[in-house]
Protein backbone atom coordinates (compact mmCIF):
# COMPACT_ATOMS: atom_id res chain seq x y z
CA MET A 1 -97.07 -64.61 -261.90
CA LYS A 2 -93.96 -62.52 -261.26
CA THR A 3 -90.55 -64.07 -261.50
CA GLU A 4 -87.15 -62.87 -260.34
CA THR A 5 -86.21 -61.99 -263.92
CA GLN A 6 -88.95 -59.38 -264.24
CA LYS A 7 -86.83 -56.84 -262.33
CA ILE A 8 -83.06 -56.58 -262.44
CA SER A 9 -80.34 -54.24 -261.23
CA TRP A 10 -77.95 -53.34 -264.05
CA GLU A 11 -74.32 -53.72 -262.96
CA GLN A 12 -72.63 -50.81 -264.80
CA ASP A 13 -74.88 -47.95 -263.74
CA GLY A 14 -76.84 -49.60 -260.91
CA SER A 15 -80.19 -48.79 -262.50
CA GLN A 16 -83.28 -50.81 -261.76
CA MET A 17 -84.77 -52.33 -264.91
CA ALA A 18 -88.14 -53.93 -265.51
CA LEU A 19 -89.08 -56.56 -268.02
CA ILE A 20 -91.62 -55.25 -270.49
CA PRO A 21 -93.41 -58.41 -271.62
CA SER A 22 -93.97 -59.19 -275.28
CA GLY A 23 -97.25 -58.04 -276.70
CA SER A 24 -99.00 -56.03 -279.35
CA PHE A 25 -100.66 -52.64 -279.47
CA GLU A 26 -102.15 -50.19 -281.90
CA MET A 27 -99.46 -47.64 -282.67
CA GLY A 28 -100.31 -44.26 -284.07
CA ASP A 29 -102.63 -41.36 -283.52
CA HIS A 30 -106.13 -42.46 -282.57
CA PHE A 31 -107.27 -38.88 -282.14
CA ASN A 32 -106.30 -37.47 -285.57
CA GLU A 33 -104.32 -34.69 -283.92
CA GLY A 34 -100.78 -35.77 -284.70
CA LEU A 35 -98.41 -35.77 -287.62
CA ALA A 36 -99.15 -37.48 -290.93
CA ARG A 37 -96.47 -40.10 -290.14
CA GLU A 38 -98.58 -41.23 -287.17
CA HIS A 39 -101.29 -42.49 -289.54
CA PRO A 40 -102.68 -44.94 -290.18
CA VAL A 41 -102.97 -46.62 -286.81
CA HIS A 42 -101.43 -50.06 -287.15
CA ILE A 43 -100.85 -53.10 -284.96
CA VAL A 44 -97.28 -53.66 -283.82
CA GLU A 45 -95.98 -56.80 -282.13
CA LEU A 46 -92.98 -56.64 -279.83
CA ASP A 47 -90.71 -59.17 -278.17
CA ALA A 48 -90.05 -58.75 -274.46
CA PHE A 49 -87.33 -56.24 -273.50
CA TYR A 50 -85.87 -54.62 -270.42
CA MET A 51 -86.19 -50.90 -269.78
CA ASP A 52 -84.95 -48.65 -266.98
CA LYS A 53 -87.64 -48.03 -264.37
CA HIS A 54 -86.44 -44.47 -263.72
CA GLU A 55 -84.82 -41.65 -265.62
CA VAL A 56 -81.02 -41.35 -265.65
CA THR A 57 -80.17 -39.01 -262.78
CA VAL A 58 -77.77 -36.09 -262.85
CA GLN A 59 -75.52 -38.13 -260.54
CA LYS A 60 -75.36 -41.11 -262.92
CA PHE A 61 -74.69 -38.89 -265.94
CA ARG A 62 -71.91 -37.10 -264.03
CA GLU A 63 -70.41 -40.50 -263.19
CA PHE A 64 -70.45 -41.41 -266.90
CA VAL A 65 -68.78 -38.09 -267.82
CA ARG A 66 -66.14 -38.48 -265.09
CA GLU A 67 -65.28 -42.10 -265.94
CA THR A 68 -65.11 -41.64 -269.70
CA GLY A 69 -63.88 -38.08 -270.05
CA TYR A 70 -66.92 -37.36 -272.24
CA GLU A 71 -67.14 -33.65 -273.03
CA TYR A 72 -70.40 -32.18 -271.76
CA ASP A 73 -70.81 -28.45 -271.24
CA ARG A 74 -74.42 -27.69 -270.27
CA TRP A 75 -74.15 -28.21 -266.50
CA ASP A 76 -75.38 -24.65 -265.76
CA ASP A 77 -78.54 -25.29 -267.81
CA VAL A 78 -79.07 -28.64 -266.08
CA ALA A 79 -78.71 -27.06 -262.63
CA GLU A 80 -81.52 -24.58 -263.34
CA TYR A 81 -84.19 -27.30 -263.68
CA SER A 82 -82.53 -30.37 -262.13
CA PRO A 83 -80.70 -28.80 -259.18
CA THR A 84 -79.77 -31.93 -257.23
CA SER A 85 -77.96 -35.14 -258.08
CA LYS A 86 -81.25 -37.08 -257.66
CA HIS A 87 -83.09 -35.10 -260.34
CA PRO A 88 -83.46 -36.51 -263.85
CA MET A 89 -80.75 -35.57 -266.30
CA ILE A 90 -81.94 -33.05 -268.91
CA PHE A 91 -80.43 -31.16 -271.84
CA VAL A 92 -79.10 -34.35 -273.40
CA ASN A 93 -79.24 -34.91 -277.14
CA LEU A 94 -79.44 -38.22 -279.01
CA HIS A 95 -75.65 -38.56 -279.33
CA GLU A 96 -75.10 -37.90 -275.60
CA ALA A 97 -77.86 -40.33 -274.61
CA THR A 98 -76.41 -42.97 -276.93
CA ALA A 99 -72.92 -42.47 -275.48
CA TYR A 100 -74.32 -42.90 -271.95
CA CYS A 101 -76.11 -46.10 -273.02
CA GLU A 102 -72.94 -47.49 -274.60
CA TRP A 103 -71.01 -46.77 -271.38
CA ALA A 104 -73.76 -48.51 -269.39
CA GLY A 105 -73.83 -51.51 -271.76
CA LYS A 106 -77.40 -50.76 -272.81
CA ARG A 107 -79.25 -49.14 -275.69
CA LEU A 108 -82.00 -46.60 -276.09
CA PRO A 109 -85.45 -48.12 -276.60
CA THR A 110 -86.84 -47.88 -280.10
CA GLU A 111 -89.75 -45.49 -280.68
CA THR A 112 -92.07 -48.50 -280.77
CA GLU A 113 -90.70 -49.97 -277.52
CA TRP A 114 -90.95 -46.61 -275.78
CA GLU A 115 -94.55 -46.06 -276.87
CA PHE A 116 -95.55 -49.59 -275.87
CA ALA A 117 -93.98 -49.18 -272.41
CA ALA A 118 -95.32 -45.64 -271.95
CA ARG A 119 -98.88 -46.75 -272.64
CA GLY A 120 -98.70 -49.15 -269.71
CA GLY A 121 -101.34 -51.38 -271.26
CA LEU A 122 -103.91 -48.59 -271.67
CA VAL A 123 -105.93 -48.52 -274.87
CA ASP A 124 -107.41 -45.40 -276.50
CA LYS A 125 -106.30 -43.00 -273.77
CA THR A 126 -104.56 -39.70 -274.43
CA PHE A 127 -102.37 -39.86 -271.31
CA THR A 128 -101.27 -42.63 -268.95
CA TRP A 129 -103.64 -41.21 -266.33
CA GLY A 130 -106.61 -41.15 -268.75
CA ASP A 131 -108.06 -38.43 -270.94
CA ASP A 132 -107.85 -35.49 -268.52
CA GLU A 133 -105.58 -32.88 -270.17
CA SER A 134 -104.59 -31.15 -266.94
CA VAL A 135 -101.01 -31.82 -265.90
CA SER A 136 -100.18 -31.82 -262.23
CA ARG A 137 -97.16 -32.36 -260.04
CA GLU A 138 -98.52 -35.85 -259.48
CA TYR A 139 -97.90 -36.77 -263.13
CA ALA A 140 -94.95 -34.77 -264.43
CA ASN A 141 -92.03 -32.47 -263.86
CA TYR A 142 -93.82 -29.64 -265.63
CA LYS A 143 -93.05 -25.89 -265.90
CA GLY A 144 -90.90 -25.76 -262.77
CA CYS A 145 -93.19 -27.96 -260.73
CA LEU A 146 -90.55 -30.47 -259.64
CA LEU A 147 -91.34 -34.00 -258.57
CA TYR A 148 -87.87 -34.54 -257.08
CA THR A 149 -87.50 -32.14 -254.17
């Protein structure tokens, strides 16, 4: 049963966040295609955590830069693939993402949290939409096929 605390609006950046409930999953490469560090598959248990429902937009990242005076110089690169303020922010490294999170009063998810959330409860599937390897506009912003027009 859903409660009011399962979705929140974060005050600093206005992002919508969803509660990812506690649980466990098998982390690692089930398909023996990945890196050695992805083996062996092992069970991981996680406490509940909140995670943004959507990517940080160009608009929100610009707001962070403007308010903090953070030096960011890849706006021309961003504009090529994320041309409007509603597009997801791209060309951000770990330090820039961390600085944004600190400004917003949040943190980046751990690798384990991200994988758990990204799986969406699916087990033994290559992609969130199943095992079909074809990527379409329906699933991703891929090779210039923009979702946010």
